[in-house]
Amino acid sequence: MTDTLYKLTEFFARGHRGEPRYTVLLTGTAITTSGSLDIVIRDLSLSGAQIQGRVLPGLGKLVILRKGALEVAGRIAWREGNLAGIRFEHALAADQLYALVDRNRVRPVHDVVAVAA
């Protein structure tokens, strides 16, 4: 794990903000009871992912997200057009997350917070 990723994870783990999400843009597969769907994984965190696809499962549906050796079960937490969020049933191990992030794009996605003057 890179030093920067370690520091970011420690920062978020101390409760300063939710959990870091990383933009990755990876092709993958979402497996459902109806079959396999080709998707793009747009961002990834320890507890979930944002996916994009022409056909996506509905809210609450169980899916298995597959990318290479990674297979993780989760449920569709939200859906908007061709985008959806998956909340994993069990969090990824940090090594699983960083193996994908390090090979693709290491950039945390932060929410913009307006500060009143």
PDB file of N, CA and C in Angstrom:
ATOM      1  N   MET A   1       0.861  -1.166   0.000  1.00  0.00           N
ATOM      2  CA  MET A   1       0.000   0.000   0.000  1.00  0.00           C
ATOM      3  C   MET A   1       0.904   1.223   0.000  1.00  0.00           C
ATOM      4  N   THR A   2       0.561   2.200  -0.827  1.00  0.00           N
ATOM      5  CA  THR A   2       1.390   3.393  -0.878  1.00  0.00           C
ATOM      6  C   THR A   2       1.218   4.212   0.390  1.00  0.00           C
ATOM      7  N   ASP A   3       2.232   5.004   0.706  1.00  0.00           N
ATOM      8  CA  ASP A   3       2.203   5.836   1.902  1.00  0.00           C
ATOM      9  C   ASP A   3       1.037   6.815   1.863  1.00  0.00           C
ATOM     10  N   THR A   4       0.779   7.405   0.701  1.00  0.00           N
ATOM     11  CA  THR A   4      -0.320   8.363   0.559  1.00  0.00           C
ATOM     12  C   THR A   4      -1.665   7.694   0.817  1.00  0.00           C
ATOM     13  N   LEU A   5      -1.886   6.505   0.234  1.00  0.00           N
ATOM     14  CA  LEU A   5      -3.144   5.800   0.463  1.00  0.00           C
ATOM     15  C   LEU A   5      -3.308   5.437   1.933  1.00  0.00           C
ATOM     16  N   TYR A   6      -2.225   5.012   2.554  1.00  0.00           N
ATOM     17  CA  TYR A   6      -2.275   4.676   3.973  1.00  0.00           C
ATOM     18  C   TYR A   6      -2.694   5.884   4.802  1.00  0.00           C
ATOM     19  N   LYS A   7      -2.094   7.037   4.532  1.00  0.00           N
ATOM     20  CA  LYS A   7      -2.420   8.254   5.277  1.00  0.00           C
ATOM     21  C   LYS A   7      -3.874   8.672   5.063  1.00  0.00           C
ATOM     22  N   LEU A   8      -4.347   8.579   3.812  1.00  0.00           N
ATOM     23  CA  LEU A   8      -5.750   8.923   3.543  1.00  0.00           C
ATOM     24  C   LEU A   8      -6.698   7.993   4.281  1.00  0.00           C
ATOM     25  N   THR A   9      -6.393   6.707   4.255  1.00  0.00           N
ATOM     26  CA  THR A   9      -7.247   5.741   4.941  1.00  0.00           C
ATOM     27  C   THR A   9      -7.274   6.007   6.436  1.00  0.00           C
ATOM     28  N   GLU A  10      -6.124   6.275   7.021  1.00  0.00           N
ATOM     29  CA  GLU A  10      -6.059   6.599   8.444  1.00  0.00           C
ATOM     30  C   GLU A  10      -6.870   7.852   8.767  1.00  0.00           C
ATOM     31  N   PHE A  11      -6.777   8.878   7.927  1.00  0.00           N
ATOM     32  CA  PHE A  11      -7.510  10.125   8.121  1.00  0.00           C
ATOM     33  C   PHE A  11      -9.016   9.863   8.156  1.00  0.00           C
ATOM     34  N   PHE A  12      -9.513   9.129   7.169  1.00  0.00           N
ATOM     35  CA  PHE A  12     -10.942   8.861   7.096  1.00  0.00           C
ATOM     36  C   PHE A  12     -11.388   7.920   8.203  1.00  0.00           C
ATOM     37  N   ALA A  13     -10.543   6.972   8.582  1.00  0.00           N
ATOM     38  CA  ALA A  13     -10.895   6.008   9.626  1.00  0.00           C
ATOM     39  C   ALA A  13     -11.063   6.681  10.985  1.00  0.00           C
ATOM     40  N   ARG A  14     -10.405   7.808  11.205  1.00  0.00           N
ATOM     41  CA  ARG A  14     -10.535   8.520  12.476  1.00  0.00           C
ATOM     42  C   ARG A  14     -11.825   9.325  12.555  1.00  0.00           C
ATOM     43  N   GLY A  15     -12.682   9.215  11.555  1.00  0.00           N
ATOM     44  CA  GLY A  15     -13.987   9.842  11.622  1.00  0.00           C
ATOM     45  C   GLY A  15     -14.052  11.264  11.132  1.00  0.00           C
ATOM     46  N   HIS A  16     -13.031  11.749  10.440  1.00  0.00           N
ATOM     47  CA  HIS A  16     -13.079  13.117   9.943  1.00  0.00           C
ATOM     48  C   HIS A  16     -14.141  13.287   8.873  1.00  0.00           C
ATOM     49  N   ARG A  17     -14.319  12.315   8.035  1.00  0.00           N
ATOM     50  CA  ARG A  17     -15.349  12.284   7.003  1.00  0.00           C
ATOM     51  C   ARG A  17     -15.658  10.826   6.772  1.00  0.00           C
ATOM     52  N   GLY A  18     -16.624  10.531   5.988  1.00  0.00           N
ATOM     53  CA  GLY A  18     -16.974   9.146   5.712  1.00  0.00           C
ATOM     54  C   GLY A  18     -15.790   8.295   5.338  1.00  0.00           C
ATOM     55  N   GLU A  19     -15.840   7.690   4.220  1.00  0.00           N
ATOM     56  CA  GLU A  19     -14.807   6.765   3.771  1.00  0.00           C
ATOM     57  C   GLU A  19     -14.292   7.243   2.423  1.00  0.00           C
ATOM     58  N   PRO A  20     -13.005   7.162   2.158  1.00  0.00           N
ATOM     59  CA  PRO A  20     -12.522   7.636   0.853  1.00  0.00           C
ATOM     60  C   PRO A  20     -13.029   6.768  -0.286  1.00  0.00           C
ATOM     61  N   ARG A  21     -13.360   7.432  -1.375  1.00  0.00           N
ATOM     62  CA  ARG A  21     -13.754   6.757  -2.614  1.00  0.00           C
ATOM     63  C   ARG A  21     -12.715   7.123  -3.660  1.00  0.00           C
ATOM     64  N   TYR A  22     -12.417   6.178  -4.521  1.00  0.00           N
ATOM     65  CA  TYR A  22     -11.398   6.393  -5.528  1.00  0.00           C
ATOM     66  C   TYR A  22     -11.984   6.214  -6.921  1.00  0.00           C
ATOM     67  N   THR A  23     -11.738   7.184  -7.796  1.00  0.00           N
ATOM     68  CA  THR A  23     -12.150   7.087  -9.184  1.00  0.00           C
ATOM     69  C   THR A  23     -11.271   6.055  -9.864  1.00  0.00           C
ATOM     70  N   VAL A  24     -11.891   5.053 -10.515  1.00  0.00           N
ATOM     71  CA  VAL A  24     -11.103   4.000 -11.138  1.00  0.00           C
ATOM     72  C   VAL A  24     -11.431   3.757 -12.613  1.00  0.00           C
ATOM     73  N   LEU A  25     -12.679   3.872 -13.038  1.00  0.00           N
ATOM     74  CA  LEU A  25     -13.098   3.634 -14.426  1.00  0.00           C
ATOM     75  C   LEU A  25     -12.593   2.305 -14.976  1.00  0.00           C
ATOM     76  N   LEU A  26     -13.164   1.219 -14.446  1.00  0.00           N
ATOM     77  CA  LEU A  26     -12.801  -0.142 -14.815  1.00  0.00           C
ATOM     78  C   LEU A  26     -13.985  -0.862 -15.448  1.00  0.00           C
ATOM     79  N   THR A  27     -13.738  -1.653 -16.468  1.00  0.00           N
ATOM     80  CA  THR A  27     -14.810  -2.500 -16.975  1.00  0.00           C
ATOM     81  C   THR A  27     -14.962  -3.676 -16.016  1.00  0.00           C
ATOM     82  N   GLY A  28     -16.180  -4.146 -15.868  1.00  0.00           N
ATOM     83  CA  GLY A  28     -16.443  -5.264 -14.970  1.00  0.00           C
ATOM     84  C   GLY A  28     -17.758  -5.914 -15.310  1.00  0.00           C
ATOM     85  N   THR A  29     -18.209  -6.771 -14.419  1.00  0.00           N
ATOM     86  CA  THR A  29     -19.460  -7.495 -14.604  1.00  0.00           C
ATOM     87  C   THR A  29     -20.270  -7.426 -13.323  1.00  0.00           C
ATOM     88  N   ALA A  30     -21.574  -7.227 -13.476  1.00  0.00           N
ATOM     89  CA  ALA A  30     -22.502  -7.324 -12.352  1.00  0.00           C
ATOM     90  C   ALA A  30     -23.340  -8.578 -12.605  1.00  0.00           C
ATOM     91  N   ILE A  31     -23.235  -9.540 -11.709  1.00  0.00           N
ATOM     92  CA  ILE A  31     -23.966 -10.797 -11.862  1.00  0.00           C
ATOM     93  C   ILE A  31     -25.218 -10.729 -11.008  1.00  0.00           C
ATOM     94  N   THR A  32     -26.356 -11.003 -11.634  1.00  0.00           N
ATOM     95  CA  THR A  32     -27.646 -10.985 -10.942  1.00  0.00           C
ATOM     96  C   THR A  32     -28.331 -12.325 -11.162  1.00  0.00           C
ATOM     97  N   THR A  33     -29.489 -12.494 -10.559  1.00  0.00           N
ATOM     98  CA  THR A  33     -30.259 -13.724 -10.776  1.00  0.00           C
ATOM     99  C   THR A  33     -30.757 -13.822 -12.213  1.00  0.00           C
ATOM    100  N   SER A  34     -30.783 -12.697 -12.927  1.00  0.00           N
ATOM    101  CA  SER A  34     -31.224 -12.673 -14.322  1.00  0.00           C
ATOM    102  C   SER A  34     -30.085 -12.891 -15.311  1.00  0.00           C
ATOM    103  N   GLY A  35     -28.839 -12.827 -14.842  1.00  0.00           N
ATOM    104  CA  GLY A  35     -27.710 -13.002 -15.750  1.00  0.00           C
ATOM    105  C   GLY A  35     -26.596 -12.013 -15.458  1.00  0.00           C
ATOM    106  N   SER A  36     -25.647 -11.928 -16.373  1.00  0.00           N
ATOM    107  CA  SER A  36     -24.486 -11.043 -16.234  1.00  0.00           C
ATOM    108  C   SER A  36     -24.692  -9.763 -17.033  1.00  0.00           C
ATOM    109  N   LEU A  37     -24.279  -8.651 -16.443  1.00  0.00           N
ATOM    110  CA  LEU A  37     -24.392  -7.351 -17.085  1.00  0.00           C
ATOM    111  C   LEU A  37     -23.016  -6.726 -17.206  1.00  0.00           C
ATOM    112  N   ASP A  38     -22.686  -6.201 -18.374  1.00  0.00           N
ATOM    113  CA  ASP A  38     -21.431  -5.470 -18.555  1.00  0.00           C
ATOM    114  C   ASP A  38     -21.596  -4.092 -17.940  1.00  0.00           C
ATOM    115  N   ILE A  39     -20.635  -3.715 -17.097  1.00  0.00           N
ATOM    116  CA  ILE A  39     -20.702  -2.432 -16.408  1.00  0.00           C
ATOM    117  C   ILE A  39     -19.332  -1.766 -16.409  1.00  0.00           C
ATOM    118  N   VAL A  40     -19.332  -0.493 -16.027  1.00  0.00           N
ATOM    119  CA  VAL A  40     -18.099   0.239 -15.752  1.00  0.00           C
ATOM    120  C   VAL A  40     -18.140   0.588 -14.278  1.00  0.00           C
ATOM    121  N   ILE A  41     -17.073   0.276 -13.565  1.00  0.00           N
ATOM    122  CA  ILE A  41     -16.945   0.665 -12.162  1.00  0.00           C
ATOM    123  C   ILE A  41     -16.336   2.065 -12.173  1.00  0.00           C
ATOM    124  N   ARG A  42     -17.112   3.044 -11.721  1.00  0.00           N
ATOM    125  CA  ARG A  42     -16.676   4.442 -11.784  1.00  0.00           C
ATOM    126  C   ARG A  42     -15.903   4.875 -10.550  1.00  0.00           C
ATOM    127  N   ASP A  43     -16.312   4.384  -9.397  1.00  0.00           N
ATOM    128  CA  ASP A  43     -15.524   4.634  -8.197  1.00  0.00           C
ATOM    129  C   ASP A  43     -15.681   3.463  -7.254  1.00  0.00           C
ATOM    130  N   LEU A  44     -14.750   3.395  -6.314  1.00  0.00           N
ATOM    131  CA  LEU A  44     -14.662   2.228  -5.452  1.00  0.00           C
ATOM    132  C   LEU A  44     -14.205   2.655  -4.066  1.00  0.00           C
ATOM    133  N   SER A  45     -14.807   2.043  -3.035  1.00  0.00           N
ATOM    134  CA  SER A  45     -14.380   2.263  -1.654  1.00  0.00           C
ATOM    135  C   SER A  45     -14.387   0.905  -0.960  1.00  0.00           C
ATOM    136  N   LEU A  46     -14.045   0.895   0.308  1.00  0.00           N
ATOM    137  CA  LEU A  46     -14.057  -0.364   1.048  1.00  0.00           C
ATOM    138  C   LEU A  46     -15.459  -0.945   1.159  1.00  0.00           C
ATOM    139  N   SER A  47     -16.480  -0.087   1.205  1.00  0.00           N
ATOM    140  CA  SER A  47     -17.840  -0.575   1.451  1.00  0.00           C
ATOM    141  C   SER A  47     -18.786  -0.491   0.261  1.00  0.00           C
ATOM    142  N   GLY A  48     -18.309  -0.015  -0.896  1.00  0.00           N
ATOM    143  CA  GLY A  48     -19.222   0.081  -2.018  1.00  0.00           C
ATOM    144  C   GLY A  48     -18.569   0.556  -3.290  1.00  0.00           C
ATOM    145  N   ALA A  49     -19.412   0.687  -4.313  1.00  0.00           N
ATOM    146  CA  ALA A  49     -18.928   1.119  -5.622  1.00  0.00           C
ATOM    147  C   ALA A  49     -20.046   1.834  -6.361  1.00  0.00           C
ATOM    148  N   GLN A  50     -19.650   2.712  -7.268  1.00  0.00           N
ATOM    149  CA  GLN A  50     -20.590   3.323  -8.194  1.00  0.00           C
ATOM    150  C   GLN A  50     -20.348   2.647  -9.540  1.00  0.00           C
ATOM    151  N   ILE A  51     -21.448   2.193 -10.155  1.00  0.00           N
ATOM    152  CA  ILE A  51     -21.332   1.525 -11.444  1.00  0.00           C
ATOM    153  C   ILE A  51     -22.170   2.241 -12.494  1.00  0.00           C
ATOM    154  N   GLN A  52     -21.831   2.000 -13.744  1.00  0.00           N
ATOM    155  CA  GLN A  52     -22.554   2.574 -14.868  1.00  0.00           C
ATOM    156  C   GLN A  52     -22.816   1.453 -15.865  1.00  0.00           C
ATOM    157  N   GLY A  53     -24.001   1.467 -16.457  1.00  0.00           N
ATOM    158  CA  GLY A  53     -24.316   0.454 -17.455  1.00  0.00           C
ATOM    159  C   GLY A  53     -25.603   0.781 -18.185  1.00  0.00           C
ATOM    160  N   ARG A  54     -25.761   0.180 -19.356  1.00  0.00           N
ATOM    161  CA  ARG A  54     -27.002   0.402 -20.120  1.00  0.00           C
ATOM    162  C   ARG A  54     -28.184  -0.247 -19.424  1.00  0.00           C
ATOM    163  N   VAL A  55     -27.958  -1.408 -18.835  1.00  0.00           N
ATOM    164  CA  VAL A  55     -28.994  -2.119 -18.089  1.00  0.00           C
ATOM    165  C   VAL A  55     -28.444  -2.358 -16.694  1.00  0.00           C
ATOM    166  N   LEU A  56     -29.211  -1.940 -15.678  1.00  0.00           N
ATOM    167  CA  LEU A  56     -28.764  -2.100 -14.291  1.00  0.00           C
ATOM    168  C   LEU A  56     -29.888  -2.707 -13.455  1.00  0.00           C
ATOM    169  N   PRO A  57     -29.538  -3.431 -12.396  1.00  0.00           N
ATOM    170  CA  PRO A  57     -30.565  -3.992 -11.500  1.00  0.00           C
ATOM    171  C   PRO A  57     -31.301  -2.886 -10.753  1.00  0.00           C
ATOM    172  N   GLY A  58     -32.484  -3.210 -10.250  1.00  0.00           N
ATOM    173  CA  GLY A  58     -33.288  -2.260  -9.490  1.00  0.00           C
ATOM    174  C   GLY A  58     -32.829  -2.127  -8.049  1.00  0.00           C
ATOM    175  N   LEU A  59     -33.392  -1.148  -7.359  1.00  0.00           N
ATOM    176  CA  LEU A  59     -33.068  -0.889  -5.951  1.00  0.00           C
ATOM    177  C   LEU A  59     -33.243  -2.141  -5.103  1.00  0.00           C
ATOM    178  N   GLY A  60     -32.286  -2.367  -4.224  1.00  0.00           N
ATOM    179  CA  GLY A  60     -32.357  -3.488  -3.298  1.00  0.00           C
ATOM    180  C   GLY A  60     -31.962  -4.834  -3.867  1.00  0.00           C
ATOM    181  N   LYS A  61     -31.728  -4.903  -5.158  1.00  0.00           N
ATOM    182  CA  LYS A  61     -31.379  -6.185  -5.788  1.00  0.00           C
ATOM    183  C   LYS A  61     -29.972  -6.613  -5.389  1.00  0.00           C
ATOM    184  N   LEU A  62     -29.807  -7.908  -5.192  1.00  0.00           N
ATOM    185  CA  LEU A  62     -28.512  -8.482  -4.870  1.00  0.00           C
ATOM    186  C   LEU A  62     -27.700  -8.643  -6.147  1.00  0.00           C
ATOM    187  N   VAL A  63     -26.429  -8.228  -6.106  1.00  0.00           N
ATOM    188  CA  VAL A  63     -25.525  -8.375  -7.249  1.00  0.00           C
ATOM    189  C   VAL A  63     -24.180  -8.872  -6.746  1.00  0.00           C
ATOM    190  N   ILE A  64     -23.454  -9.498  -7.637  1.00  0.00           N
ATOM    191  CA  ILE A  64     -22.059  -9.830  -7.377  1.00  0.00           C
ATOM    192  C   ILE A  64     -21.252  -9.012  -8.360  1.00  0.00           C
ATOM    193  N   LEU A  65     -20.409  -8.158  -7.824  1.00  0.00           N
ATOM    194  CA  LEU A  65     -19.548  -7.323  -8.648  1.00  0.00           C
ATOM    195  C   LEU A  65     -18.272  -8.111  -8.912  1.00  0.00           C
ATOM    196  N   ARG A  66     -17.917  -8.239 -10.184  1.00  0.00           N
ATOM    197  CA  ARG A  66     -16.729  -9.009 -10.544  1.00  0.00           C
ATOM    198  C   ARG A  66     -15.802  -8.159 -11.403  1.00  0.00           C
ATOM    199  N   LYS A  67     -14.546  -8.123 -10.985  1.00  0.00           N
ATOM    200  CA  LYS A  67     -13.477  -7.492 -11.758  1.00  0.00           C
ATOM    201  C   LYS A  67     -12.225  -8.318 -11.512  1.00  0.00           C
ATOM    202  N   GLY A  68     -11.782  -9.044 -12.525  1.00  0.00           N
ATOM    203  CA  GLY A  68     -10.621  -9.918 -12.367  1.00  0.00           C
ATOM    204  C   GLY A  68     -10.870 -10.924 -11.263  1.00  0.00           C
ATOM    205  N   ALA A  69      -9.950 -10.998 -10.309  1.00  0.00           N
ATOM    206  CA  ALA A  69     -10.068 -11.940  -9.198  1.00  0.00           C
ATOM    207  C   ALA A  69     -11.038 -11.451  -8.119  1.00  0.00           C
ATOM    208  N   LEU A  70     -11.445 -10.185  -8.185  1.00  0.00           N
ATOM    209  CA  LEU A  70     -12.349  -9.630  -7.182  1.00  0.00           C
ATOM    210  C   LEU A  70     -13.785 -10.061  -7.466  1.00  0.00           C
ATOM    211  N   GLU A  71     -14.432 -10.619  -6.472  1.00  0.00           N
ATOM    212  CA  GLU A  71     -15.864 -10.907  -6.503  1.00  0.00           C
ATOM    213  C   GLU A  71     -16.420 -10.496  -5.161  1.00  0.00           C
ATOM    214  N   VAL A  72     -17.372  -9.559  -5.188  1.00  0.00           N
ATOM    215  CA  VAL A  72     -17.935  -9.069  -3.937  1.00  0.00           C
ATOM    216  C   VAL A  72     -19.449  -8.915  -4.098  1.00  0.00           C
ATOM    217  N   ALA A  73     -20.192  -9.431  -3.114  1.00  0.00           N
ATOM    218  CA  ALA A  73     -21.656  -9.350  -3.133  1.00  0.00           C
ATOM    219  C   ALA A  73     -22.101  -8.036  -2.512  1.00  0.00           C
ATOM    220  N   GLY A  74     -23.187  -7.501  -3.036  1.00  0.00           N
ATOM    221  CA  GLY A  74     -23.751  -6.275  -2.496  1.00  0.00           C
ATOM    222  C   GLY A  74     -25.166  -6.064  -2.984  1.00  0.00           C
ATOM    223  N   ARG A  75     -25.757  -4.980  -2.551  1.00  0.00           N
ATOM    224  CA  ARG A  75     -27.121  -4.624  -2.969  1.00  0.00           C
ATOM    225  C   ARG A  75     -27.112  -3.238  -3.592  1.00  0.00           C
ATOM    226  N   ILE A  76     -28.004  -3.043  -4.534  1.00  0.00           N
ATOM    227  CA  ILE A  76     -28.146  -1.734  -5.171  1.00  0.00           C
ATOM    228  C   ILE A  76     -28.767  -0.784  -4.141  1.00  0.00           C
ATOM    229  N   ALA A  77     -27.997   0.239  -3.757  1.00  0.00           N
ATOM    230  CA  ALA A  77     -28.419   1.189  -2.729  1.00  0.00           C
ATOM    231  C   ALA A  77     -29.141   2.393  -3.322  1.00  0.00           C
ATOM    232  N   TRP A  78     -28.781   2.769  -4.543  1.00  0.00           N
ATOM    233  CA  TRP A  78     -29.432   3.879  -5.237  1.00  0.00           C
ATOM    234  C   TRP A  78     -29.255   3.673  -6.731  1.00  0.00           C
ATOM    235  N   ARG A  79     -30.120   4.305  -7.478  1.00  0.00           N
ATOM    236  CA  ARG A  79     -30.031   4.210  -8.930  1.00  0.00           C
ATOM    237  C   ARG A  79     -30.587   5.481  -9.545  1.00  0.00           C
ATOM    238  N   GLU A  80     -29.850   6.002 -10.529  1.00  0.00           N
ATOM    239  CA  GLU A  80     -30.258   7.219 -11.215  1.00  0.00           C
ATOM    240  C   GLU A  80     -29.821   7.111 -12.671  1.00  0.00           C
ATOM    241  N   GLY A  81     -30.771   6.876 -13.556  1.00  0.00           N
ATOM    242  CA  GLY A  81     -30.439   6.711 -14.974  1.00  0.00           C
ATOM    243  C   GLY A  81     -29.552   5.507 -15.189  1.00  0.00           C
ATOM    244  N   ASN A  82     -28.389   5.736 -15.809  1.00  0.00           N
ATOM    245  CA  ASN A  82     -27.487   4.622 -16.093  1.00  0.00           C
ATOM    246  C   ASN A  82     -26.395   4.471 -15.020  1.00  0.00           C
ATOM    247  N   LEU A  83     -26.606   5.091 -13.855  1.00  0.00           N
ATOM    248  CA  LEU A  83     -25.678   4.985 -12.731  1.00  0.00           C
ATOM    249  C   LEU A  83     -26.362   4.315 -11.543  1.00  0.00           C
ATOM    250  N   ALA A  84     -25.589   3.595 -10.760  1.00  0.00           N
ATOM    251  CA  ALA A  84     -26.125   2.965  -9.548  1.00  0.00           C
ATOM    252  C   ALA A  84     -25.014   2.835  -8.523  1.00  0.00           C
ATOM    253  N   GLY A  85     -25.422   2.762  -7.269  1.00  0.00           N
ATOM    254  CA  GLY A  85     -24.474   2.550  -6.183  1.00  0.00           C
ATOM    255  C   GLY A  85     -24.697   1.187  -5.568  1.00  0.00           C
ATOM    256  N   ILE A  86     -23.613   0.485  -5.310  1.00  0.00           N
ATOM    257  CA  ILE A  86     -23.683  -0.820  -4.653  1.00  0.00           C
ATOM    258  C   ILE A  86     -23.107  -0.671  -3.258  1.00  0.00           C
ATOM    259  N   ARG A  87     -23.837  -1.143  -2.263  1.00  0.00           N
ATOM    260  CA  ARG A  87     -23.336  -1.222  -0.889  1.00  0.00           C
ATOM    261  C   ARG A  87     -22.959  -2.677  -0.676  1.00  0.00           C
ATOM    262  N   PHE A  88     -21.671  -2.941  -0.436  1.00  0.00           N
ATOM    263  CA  PHE A  88     -21.192  -4.307  -0.276  1.00  0.00           C
ATOM    264  C   PHE A  88     -21.747  -4.948   0.994  1.00  0.00           C
ATOM    265  N   GLU A  89     -22.044  -6.253   0.921  1.00  0.00           N
ATOM    266  CA  GLU A  89     -22.520  -7.005   2.088  1.00  0.00           C
ATOM    267  C   GLU A  89     -21.423  -7.078   3.150  1.00  0.00           C
ATOM    268  N   HIS A  90     -20.174  -7.238   2.714  1.00  0.00           N
ATOM    269  CA  HIS A  90     -19.010  -7.265   3.596  1.00  0.00           C
ATOM    270  C   HIS A  90     -17.958  -6.365   2.974  1.00  0.00           C
ATOM    271  N   ALA A  91     -17.354  -5.517   3.785  1.00  0.00           N
ATOM    272  CA  ALA A  91     -16.356  -4.572   3.282  1.00  0.00           C
ATOM    273  C   ALA A  91     -15.185  -5.318   2.637  1.00  0.00           C
ATOM    274  N   LEU A  92     -14.622  -4.680   1.624  1.00  0.00           N
ATOM    275  CA  LEU A  92     -13.411  -5.210   1.017  1.00  0.00           C
ATOM    276  C   LEU A  92     -12.264  -5.141   2.014  1.00  0.00           C
ATOM    277  N   ALA A  93     -11.310  -6.028   1.860  1.00  0.00           N
ATOM    278  CA  ALA A  93     -10.056  -5.902   2.598  1.00  0.00           C
ATOM    279  C   ALA A  93      -9.288  -4.761   1.942  1.00  0.00           C
ATOM    280  N   ALA A  94      -8.544  -4.022   2.723  1.00  0.00           N
ATOM    281  CA  ALA A  94      -7.794  -2.886   2.186  1.00  0.00           C
ATOM    282  C   ALA A  94      -6.902  -3.321   1.027  1.00  0.00           C
ATOM    283  N   ASP A  95      -6.291  -4.489   1.120  1.00  0.00           N
ATOM    284  CA  ASP A  95      -5.420  -4.977   0.042  1.00  0.00           C
ATOM    285  C   ASP A  95      -6.185  -5.164  -1.264  1.00  0.00           C
ATOM    286  N   GLN A  96      -7.442  -5.628  -1.183  1.00  0.00           N
ATOM    287  CA  GLN A  96      -8.254  -5.796  -2.392  1.00  0.00           C
ATOM    288  C   GLN A  96      -8.513  -4.452  -3.050  1.00  0.00           C
ATOM    289  N   LEU A  97      -8.897  -3.469  -2.232  1.00  0.00           N
ATOM    290  CA  LEU A  97      -9.177  -2.138  -2.754  1.00  0.00           C
ATOM    291  C   LEU A  97      -7.933  -1.541  -3.388  1.00  0.00           C
ATOM    292  N   TYR A  98      -6.831  -1.554  -2.669  1.00  0.00           N
ATOM    293  CA  TYR A  98      -5.632  -0.892  -3.149  1.00  0.00           C
ATOM    294  C   TYR A  98      -5.019  -1.588  -4.360  1.00  0.00           C
ATOM    295  N   ALA A  99      -5.216  -2.898  -4.487  1.00  0.00           N
ATOM    296  CA  ALA A  99      -4.716  -3.597  -5.672  1.00  0.00           C
ATOM    297  C   ALA A  99      -5.365  -3.032  -6.928  1.00  0.00           C
ATOM    298  N   LEU A 100      -6.666  -2.742  -6.861  1.00  0.00           N
ATOM    299  CA  LEU A 100      -7.369  -2.165  -8.012  1.00  0.00           C
ATOM    300  C   LEU A 100      -7.041  -0.692  -8.189  1.00  0.00           C
ATOM    301  N   VAL A 101      -7.028   0.051  -7.100  1.00  0.00           N
ATOM    302  CA  VAL A 101      -6.793   1.489  -7.169  1.00  0.00           C
ATOM    303  C   VAL A 101      -5.374   1.790  -7.638  1.00  0.00           C
ATOM    304  N   ASP A 102      -4.398   1.123  -7.062  1.00  0.00           N
ATOM    305  CA  ASP A 102      -3.000   1.377  -7.419  1.00  0.00           C
ATOM    306  C   ASP A 102      -2.730   1.118  -8.893  1.00  0.00           C
ATOM    307  N   ARG A 103      -3.375   0.119  -9.458  1.00  0.00           N
ATOM    308  CA  ARG A 103      -3.141  -0.212 -10.856  1.00  0.00           C
ATOM    309  C   ARG A 103      -3.880   0.711 -11.813  1.00  0.00           C
ATOM    310  N   ASN A 104      -4.808   1.498 -11.323  1.00  0.00           N
ATOM    311  CA  ASN A 104      -5.648   2.279 -12.226  1.00  0.00           C
ATOM    312  C   ASN A 104      -5.514   3.775 -12.030  1.00  0.00           C
ATOM    313  N   ARG A 105      -6.040   4.276 -10.943  1.00  0.00           N
ATOM    314  CA  ARG A 105      -5.968   5.716 -10.723  1.00  0.00           C
ATOM    315  C   ARG A 105      -6.098   6.000  -9.248  1.00  0.00           C
ATOM    316  N   VAL A 106      -5.117   6.605  -8.675  1.00  0.00           N
ATOM    317  CA  VAL A 106      -5.110   6.886  -7.246  1.00  0.00           C
ATOM    318  C   VAL A 106      -5.511   8.338  -7.046  1.00  0.00           C
ATOM    319  N   ARG A 107      -6.804   8.572  -6.919  1.00  0.00           N
ATOM    320  CA  ARG A 107      -7.277   9.925  -6.672  1.00  0.00           C
ATOM    321  C   ARG A 107      -8.540   9.854  -5.841  1.00  0.00           C
ATOM    322  N   PRO A 108      -8.499  10.292  -4.587  1.00  0.00           N
ATOM    323  CA  PRO A 108      -9.712  10.261  -3.774  1.00  0.00           C
ATOM    324  C   PRO A 108     -10.735  11.266  -4.286  1.00  0.00           C
ATOM    325  N   VAL A 109     -11.997  10.913  -4.164  1.00  0.00           N
ATOM    326  CA  VAL A 109     -13.085  11.805  -4.541  1.00  0.00           C
ATOM    327  C   VAL A 109     -13.632  12.387  -3.238  1.00  0.00           C
ATOM    328  N   HIS A 110     -13.540  13.703  -3.097  1.00  0.00           N
ATOM    329  CA  HIS A 110     -14.003  14.354  -1.878  1.00  0.00           C
ATOM    330  C   HIS A 110     -15.264  15.154  -2.163  1.00  0.00           C
ATOM    331  N   ASP A 111     -16.168  15.166  -1.201  1.00  0.00           N
ATOM    332  CA  ASP A 111     -17.345  16.016  -1.311  1.00  0.00           C
ATOM    333  C   ASP A 111     -16.918  17.455  -1.098  1.00  0.00           C
ATOM    334  N   VAL A 112     -17.517  18.360  -1.820  1.00  0.00           N
ATOM    335  CA  VAL A 112     -17.228  19.775  -1.654  1.00  0.00           C
ATOM    336  C   VAL A 112     -18.096  20.301  -0.521  1.00  0.00           C
ATOM    337  N   VAL A 113     -17.468  20.943   0.443  1.00  0.00           N
ATOM    338  CA  VAL A 113     -18.201  21.470   1.593  1.00  0.00           C
ATOM    339  C   VAL A 113     -18.111  22.991   1.546  1.00  0.00           C
ATOM    340  N   ALA A 114     -19.262  23.653   1.526  1.00  0.00           N
ATOM    341  CA  ALA A 114     -19.294  25.112   1.529  1.00  0.00           C
ATOM    342  C   ALA A 114     -19.105  25.600   2.964  1.00  0.00           C
ATOM    343  N   VAL A 115     -18.263  26.563   3.146  1.00  0.00           N
ATOM    344  CA  VAL A 115     -18.014  27.136   4.458  1.00  0.00           C
ATOM    345  C   VAL A 115     -18.580  28.546   4.478  1.00  0.00           C
ATOM    346  N   ALA A 116     -19.476  28.774   5.427  1.00  0.00           N
ATOM    347  CA  ALA A 116     -20.098  30.099   5.555  1.00  0.00           C
ATOM    348  C   ALA A 116     -19.085  31.081   6.113  1.00  0.00           C
ATOM    349  N   ALA A 117     -19.029  32.269   5.538  1.00  0.00           N
ATOM    350  CA  ALA A 117     -18.066  33.285   6.000  1.00  0.00           C
ATOM    351  C   ALA A 117     -18.687  34.155   7.063  1.00  0.00           C
TER     352      ALA A 117
END
